[in-house]
Amino acid sequence: MAYSEQELLARLIQCEAGGEGDNGMRAVASVVMNRVHITYGEYARFPTIRSVIFAPDQFTCVKEVVGGQYNPQNIYNMRPEQIHWDIAAWAIAGNRLWTTGQALWFFNPYSPYCQPYFPTQVGSFAVRIGEHCFYNPTPAYANT
């Protein structure tokens, strides 16, 4: 696929957090860039935006099929608007949403509550933004 890294990030932002407002979109972009820049643990093996986005089983929006059904909300169907491009450029320039800390994970629990750890014990709850819970790495993450 010939998408630039900025376009891939813009598409992922729109797909994963397009309805979460500016801070929700910035938080998702921050997670991607935190993964790009971390120097230890499993994500140290993915040093580019492209490798982070396409790492196996990380983002639902990269999958064209989910649960045996076509997933129409995938990055290939996204048409990023200026806000998505702007947030992608903001994150690539080194900016992060401070409330997410060093978050490496996010997910929508479809519940008003965020679990204290995700996944397992390698991430601890940092903040909820919109419908998503964000998790910072614990010391156990270094062993992944």
C-alpha atoms as a PDB file:
ATOM      1  CA  MET A   1       0.000   0.000   0.000  1.00  0.00           C
ATOM      2  CA  ALA A   2       1.381   3.381  -0.978  1.00  0.00           C
ATOM      3  CA  TYR A   3      -0.029   5.489   1.854  1.00  0.00           C
ATOM      4  CA  SER A   4       2.494   7.759   3.581  1.00  0.00           C
ATOM      5  CA  GLU A   5       2.963   7.305   7.316  1.00  0.00           C
ATOM      6  CA  GLN A   6       1.103  10.569   7.928  1.00  0.00           C
ATOM      7  CA  GLU A   7      -1.838   9.356   5.844  1.00  0.00           C
ATOM      8  CA  LEU A   8      -1.895   6.000   7.638  1.00  0.00           C
ATOM      9  CA  LEU A   9      -1.950   7.798  10.987  1.00  0.00           C
ATOM     10  CA  ALA A  10      -4.675  10.200   9.796  1.00  0.00           C
ATOM     11  CA  ARG A  11      -6.784   7.263   8.603  1.00  0.00           C
ATOM     12  CA  LEU A  12      -6.295   5.390  11.879  1.00  0.00           C
ATOM     13  CA  ILE A  13      -7.179   8.490  13.907  1.00  0.00           C
ATOM     14  CA  GLN A  14     -10.390   8.949  11.927  1.00  0.00           C
ATOM     15  CA  CYS A  15     -11.294   5.273  12.136  1.00  0.00           C
ATOM     16  CA  GLU A  16     -10.470   4.624  15.800  1.00  0.00           C
ATOM     17  CA  ALA A  17     -11.471   7.965  17.320  1.00  0.00           C
ATOM     18  CA  GLY A  18     -13.278  10.084  14.724  1.00  0.00           C
ATOM     19  CA  GLY A  19     -16.279  10.510  17.022  1.00  0.00           C
ATOM     20  CA  GLU A  20     -14.248  11.214  20.175  1.00  0.00           C
ATOM     21  CA  GLY A  21     -13.493  14.895  19.614  1.00  0.00           C
ATOM     22  CA  ASP A  22     -10.090  16.541  19.300  1.00  0.00           C
ATOM     23  CA  ASN A  23      -8.716  15.172  22.592  1.00  0.00           C
ATOM     24  CA  GLY A  24      -9.881  11.637  21.820  1.00  0.00           C
ATOM     25  CA  MET A  25      -8.189  11.774  18.430  1.00  0.00           C
ATOM     26  CA  ARG A  26      -5.019  13.283  19.925  1.00  0.00           C
ATOM     27  CA  ALA A  27      -4.979  10.548  22.565  1.00  0.00           C
ATOM     28  CA  VAL A  28      -5.095   7.799  19.921  1.00  0.00           C
ATOM     29  CA  ALA A  29      -2.326   9.520  17.948  1.00  0.00           C
ATOM     30  CA  SER A  30      -0.298   9.765  21.177  1.00  0.00           C
ATOM     31  CA  VAL A  31      -0.598   6.014  21.770  1.00  0.00           C
ATOM     32  CA  VAL A  32       0.652   5.255  18.260  1.00  0.00           C
ATOM     33  CA  MET A  33       3.609   7.601  18.635  1.00  0.00           C
ATOM     34  CA  ASN A  34       4.389   6.313  22.157  1.00  0.00           C
ATOM     35  CA  ARG A  35       4.661   2.847  20.619  1.00  0.00           C
ATOM     36  CA  VAL A  36       6.926   4.146  17.848  1.00  0.00           C
ATOM     37  CA  HIS A  37       9.316   5.745  20.342  1.00  0.00           C
ATOM     38  CA  ILE A  38       9.422   3.208  23.181  1.00  0.00           C
ATOM     39  CA  THR A  39      12.822   1.531  23.429  1.00  0.00           C
ATOM     40  CA  TYR A  40      11.904  -1.608  25.375  1.00  0.00           C
ATOM     41  CA  GLY A  41       9.260  -4.337  25.516  1.00  0.00           C
ATOM     42  CA  GLU A  42       7.313  -5.766  22.602  1.00  0.00           C
ATOM     43  CA  TYR A  43       6.676  -2.447  20.849  1.00  0.00           C
ATOM     44  CA  ALA A  44      10.409  -1.733  20.551  1.00  0.00           C
ATOM     45  CA  ARG A  45      10.216  -4.146  17.583  1.00  0.00           C
ATOM     46  CA  PHE A  46       7.918  -1.720  15.738  1.00  0.00           C
ATOM     47  CA  PRO A  47       9.923   1.491  15.186  1.00  0.00           C
ATOM     48  CA  THR A  48       7.748   3.119  12.501  1.00  0.00           C
ATOM     49  CA  ILE A  49       4.177   4.343  12.306  1.00  0.00           C
ATOM     50  CA  ARG A  50       3.493   1.799   9.559  1.00  0.00           C
ATOM     51  CA  SER A  51       4.899  -1.112  11.594  1.00  0.00           C
ATOM     52  CA  VAL A  52       2.914  -0.058  14.694  1.00  0.00           C
ATOM     53  CA  ILE A  53      -0.350   0.250  12.761  1.00  0.00           C
ATOM     54  CA  PHE A  54       0.104  -3.079  10.980  1.00  0.00           C
ATOM     55  CA  ALA A  55       1.437  -5.047  13.958  1.00  0.00           C
ATOM     56  CA  PRO A  56      -0.727  -8.180  14.276  1.00  0.00           C
ATOM     57  CA  ASP A  57      -4.033  -7.824  16.147  1.00  0.00           C
ATOM     58  CA  GLN A  58      -3.470  -4.283  17.423  1.00  0.00           C
ATOM     59  CA  PHE A  59      -6.163  -2.140  15.792  1.00  0.00           C
ATOM     60  CA  THR A  60      -9.622  -3.281  14.708  1.00  0.00           C
ATOM     61  CA  CYS A  61      -9.616  -0.607  12.023  1.00  0.00           C
ATOM     62  CA  VAL A  62      -6.817  -2.388  10.154  1.00  0.00           C
ATOM     63  CA  LYS A  63      -8.971  -5.491   9.733  1.00  0.00           C
ATOM     64  CA  GLU A  64     -11.306  -5.812   6.786  1.00  0.00           C
ATOM     65  CA  VAL A  65     -13.019  -8.787   8.440  1.00  0.00           C
ATOM     66  CA  VAL A  66     -13.952  -8.947  12.130  1.00  0.00           C
ATOM     67  CA  GLY A  67     -15.727 -11.954  13.614  1.00  0.00           C
ATOM     68  CA  GLY A  68     -16.265 -13.414  10.156  1.00  0.00           C
ATOM     69  CA  GLN A  69     -18.080 -10.288   8.981  1.00  0.00           C
ATOM     70  CA  TYR A  70     -16.899  -7.538   6.661  1.00  0.00           C
ATOM     71  CA  ASN A  71     -15.735  -4.514   8.674  1.00  0.00           C
ATOM     72  CA  PRO A  72     -16.784  -1.430   6.695  1.00  0.00           C
ATOM     73  CA  GLN A  73     -15.057   0.864   9.186  1.00  0.00           C
ATOM     74  CA  ASN A  74     -11.474   0.136   8.250  1.00  0.00           C
ATOM     75  CA  ILE A  75      -8.566   2.385   7.340  1.00  0.00           C
ATOM     76  CA  TYR A  76      -8.913   1.527   3.656  1.00  0.00           C
ATOM     77  CA  ASN A  77     -12.392   3.069   3.558  1.00  0.00           C
ATOM     78  CA  MET A  78     -11.491   6.211   5.502  1.00  0.00           C
ATOM     79  CA  ARG A  79     -11.213   9.579   3.786  1.00  0.00           C
ATOM     80  CA  PRO A  80      -9.341  11.735   6.308  1.00  0.00           C
ATOM     81  CA  GLU A  81     -10.499  15.307   6.710  1.00  0.00           C
ATOM     82  CA  GLN A  82      -8.214  18.222   7.515  1.00  0.00           C
ATOM     83  CA  ILE A  83      -8.564  17.708  11.284  1.00  0.00           C
ATOM     84  CA  HIS A  84      -7.222  14.142  10.984  1.00  0.00           C
ATOM     85  CA  TRP A  85      -4.272  15.301   8.880  1.00  0.00           C
ATOM     86  CA  ASP A  86      -3.591  18.108  11.359  1.00  0.00           C
ATOM     87  CA  ILE A  87      -3.616  15.794  14.388  1.00  0.00           C
ATOM     88  CA  ALA A  88      -1.384  13.288  12.597  1.00  0.00           C
ATOM     89  CA  ALA A  89       1.104  16.092  11.809  1.00  0.00           C
ATOM     90  CA  TRP A  90       0.854  17.333  15.415  1.00  0.00           C
ATOM     91  CA  ALA A  91       1.746  13.876  16.780  1.00  0.00           C
ATOM     92  CA  ILE A  92       4.517  13.221  14.250  1.00  0.00           C
ATOM     93  CA  ALA A  93       6.061  16.584  15.241  1.00  0.00           C
ATOM     94  CA  GLY A  94       6.546  15.207  18.771  1.00  0.00           C
ATOM     95  CA  ASN A  95       3.432  16.477  20.526  1.00  0.00           C
ATOM     96  CA  ARG A  96       1.463  14.273  22.931  1.00  0.00           C
ATOM     97  CA  LEU A  97      -1.732  14.668  24.892  1.00  0.00           C
ATOM     98  CA  TRP A  98      -0.310  15.004  28.405  1.00  0.00           C
ATOM     99  CA  THR A  99      -3.250  13.257  30.108  1.00  0.00           C
ATOM    100  CA  THR A 100      -2.416   9.984  28.365  1.00  0.00           C
ATOM    101  CA  GLY A 101       1.088   9.923  29.833  1.00  0.00           C
ATOM    102  CA  GLN A 102       3.084   7.154  28.175  1.00  0.00           C
ATOM    103  CA  ALA A 103      -0.039   5.156  27.261  1.00  0.00           C
ATOM    104  CA  LEU A 104       0.579   2.229  24.943  1.00  0.00           C
ATOM    105  CA  TRP A 105      -2.974   0.868  24.846  1.00  0.00           C
ATOM    106  CA  PHE A 106      -6.543   2.060  24.548  1.00  0.00           C
ATOM    107  CA  PHE A 107      -9.849   0.325  24.155  1.00  0.00           C
ATOM    108  CA  ASN A 108     -13.562   0.964  24.371  1.00  0.00           C
ATOM    109  CA  PRO A 109     -14.965  -1.098  27.255  1.00  0.00           C
ATOM    110  CA  TYR A 110     -18.598  -0.465  26.221  1.00  0.00           C
ATOM    111  CA  SER A 111     -19.136   0.225  29.906  1.00  0.00           C
ATOM    112  CA  PRO A 112     -18.902   3.289  32.141  1.00  0.00           C
ATOM    113  CA  TYR A 113     -15.933   1.689  33.918  1.00  0.00           C
ATOM    114  CA  CYS A 114     -12.346   1.094  32.908  1.00  0.00           C
ATOM    115  CA  GLN A 115     -10.626  -1.987  34.290  1.00  0.00           C
ATOM    116  CA  PRO A 116      -7.540  -1.214  36.422  1.00  0.00           C
ATOM    117  CA  TYR A 117      -5.147  -3.222  34.208  1.00  0.00           C
ATOM    118  CA  PHE A 118      -5.004  -3.908  30.474  1.00  0.00           C
ATOM    119  CA  PRO A 119      -3.864  -6.143  28.945  1.00  0.00           C
ATOM    120  CA  THR A 120      -3.282  -8.398  31.940  1.00  0.00           C
ATOM    121  CA  GLN A 121      -0.828  -6.675  34.291  1.00  0.00           C
ATOM    122  CA  VAL A 122       1.404  -4.905  31.739  1.00  0.00           C
ATOM    123  CA  GLY A 123      -0.730  -1.760  31.500  1.00  0.00           C
ATOM    124  CA  SER A 124      -2.298   0.265  34.308  1.00  0.00           C
ATOM    125  CA  PHE A 125      -5.259   2.602  33.874  1.00  0.00           C
ATOM    126  CA  ALA A 126      -4.249   6.205  33.189  1.00  0.00           C
ATOM    127  CA  VAL A 127      -7.306   8.105  31.963  1.00  0.00           C
ATOM    128  CA  ARG A 128     -10.630   7.797  30.218  1.00  0.00           C
ATOM    129  CA  ILE A 129     -11.222  10.096  27.264  1.00  0.00           C
ATOM    130  CA  GLY A 130     -14.636   9.839  25.683  1.00  0.00           C
ATOM    131  CA  GLU A 131     -15.473   6.176  25.249  1.00  0.00           C
ATOM    132  CA  HIS A 132     -11.872   4.961  25.446  1.00  0.00           C
ATOM    133  CA  CYS A 133      -9.735   3.866  28.397  1.00  0.00           C
ATOM    134  CA  PHE A 134      -5.969   4.514  28.144  1.00  0.00           C
ATOM    135  CA  TYR A 135      -3.248   2.478  29.856  1.00  0.00           C
ATOM    136  CA  ASN A 136       0.388   3.232  30.728  1.00  0.00           C
ATOM    137  CA  PRO A 137       2.996   0.460  30.845  1.00  0.00           C
ATOM    138  CA  THR A 138       3.798  -1.122  34.206  1.00  0.00           C
ATOM    139  CA  PRO A 139       7.252  -2.520  35.053  1.00  0.00           C
ATOM    140  CA  ALA A 140       5.953  -5.934  33.865  1.00  0.00           C
ATOM    141  CA  TYR A 141       5.707  -4.543  30.327  1.00  0.00           C
ATOM    142  CA  ALA A 142       9.510  -4.542  30.030  1.00  0.00           C
ATOM    143  CA  ASN A 143       9.404  -8.360  29.988  1.00  0.00           C
ATOM    144  CA  THR A 144       7.118  -8.591  26.964  1.00  0.00           C
END
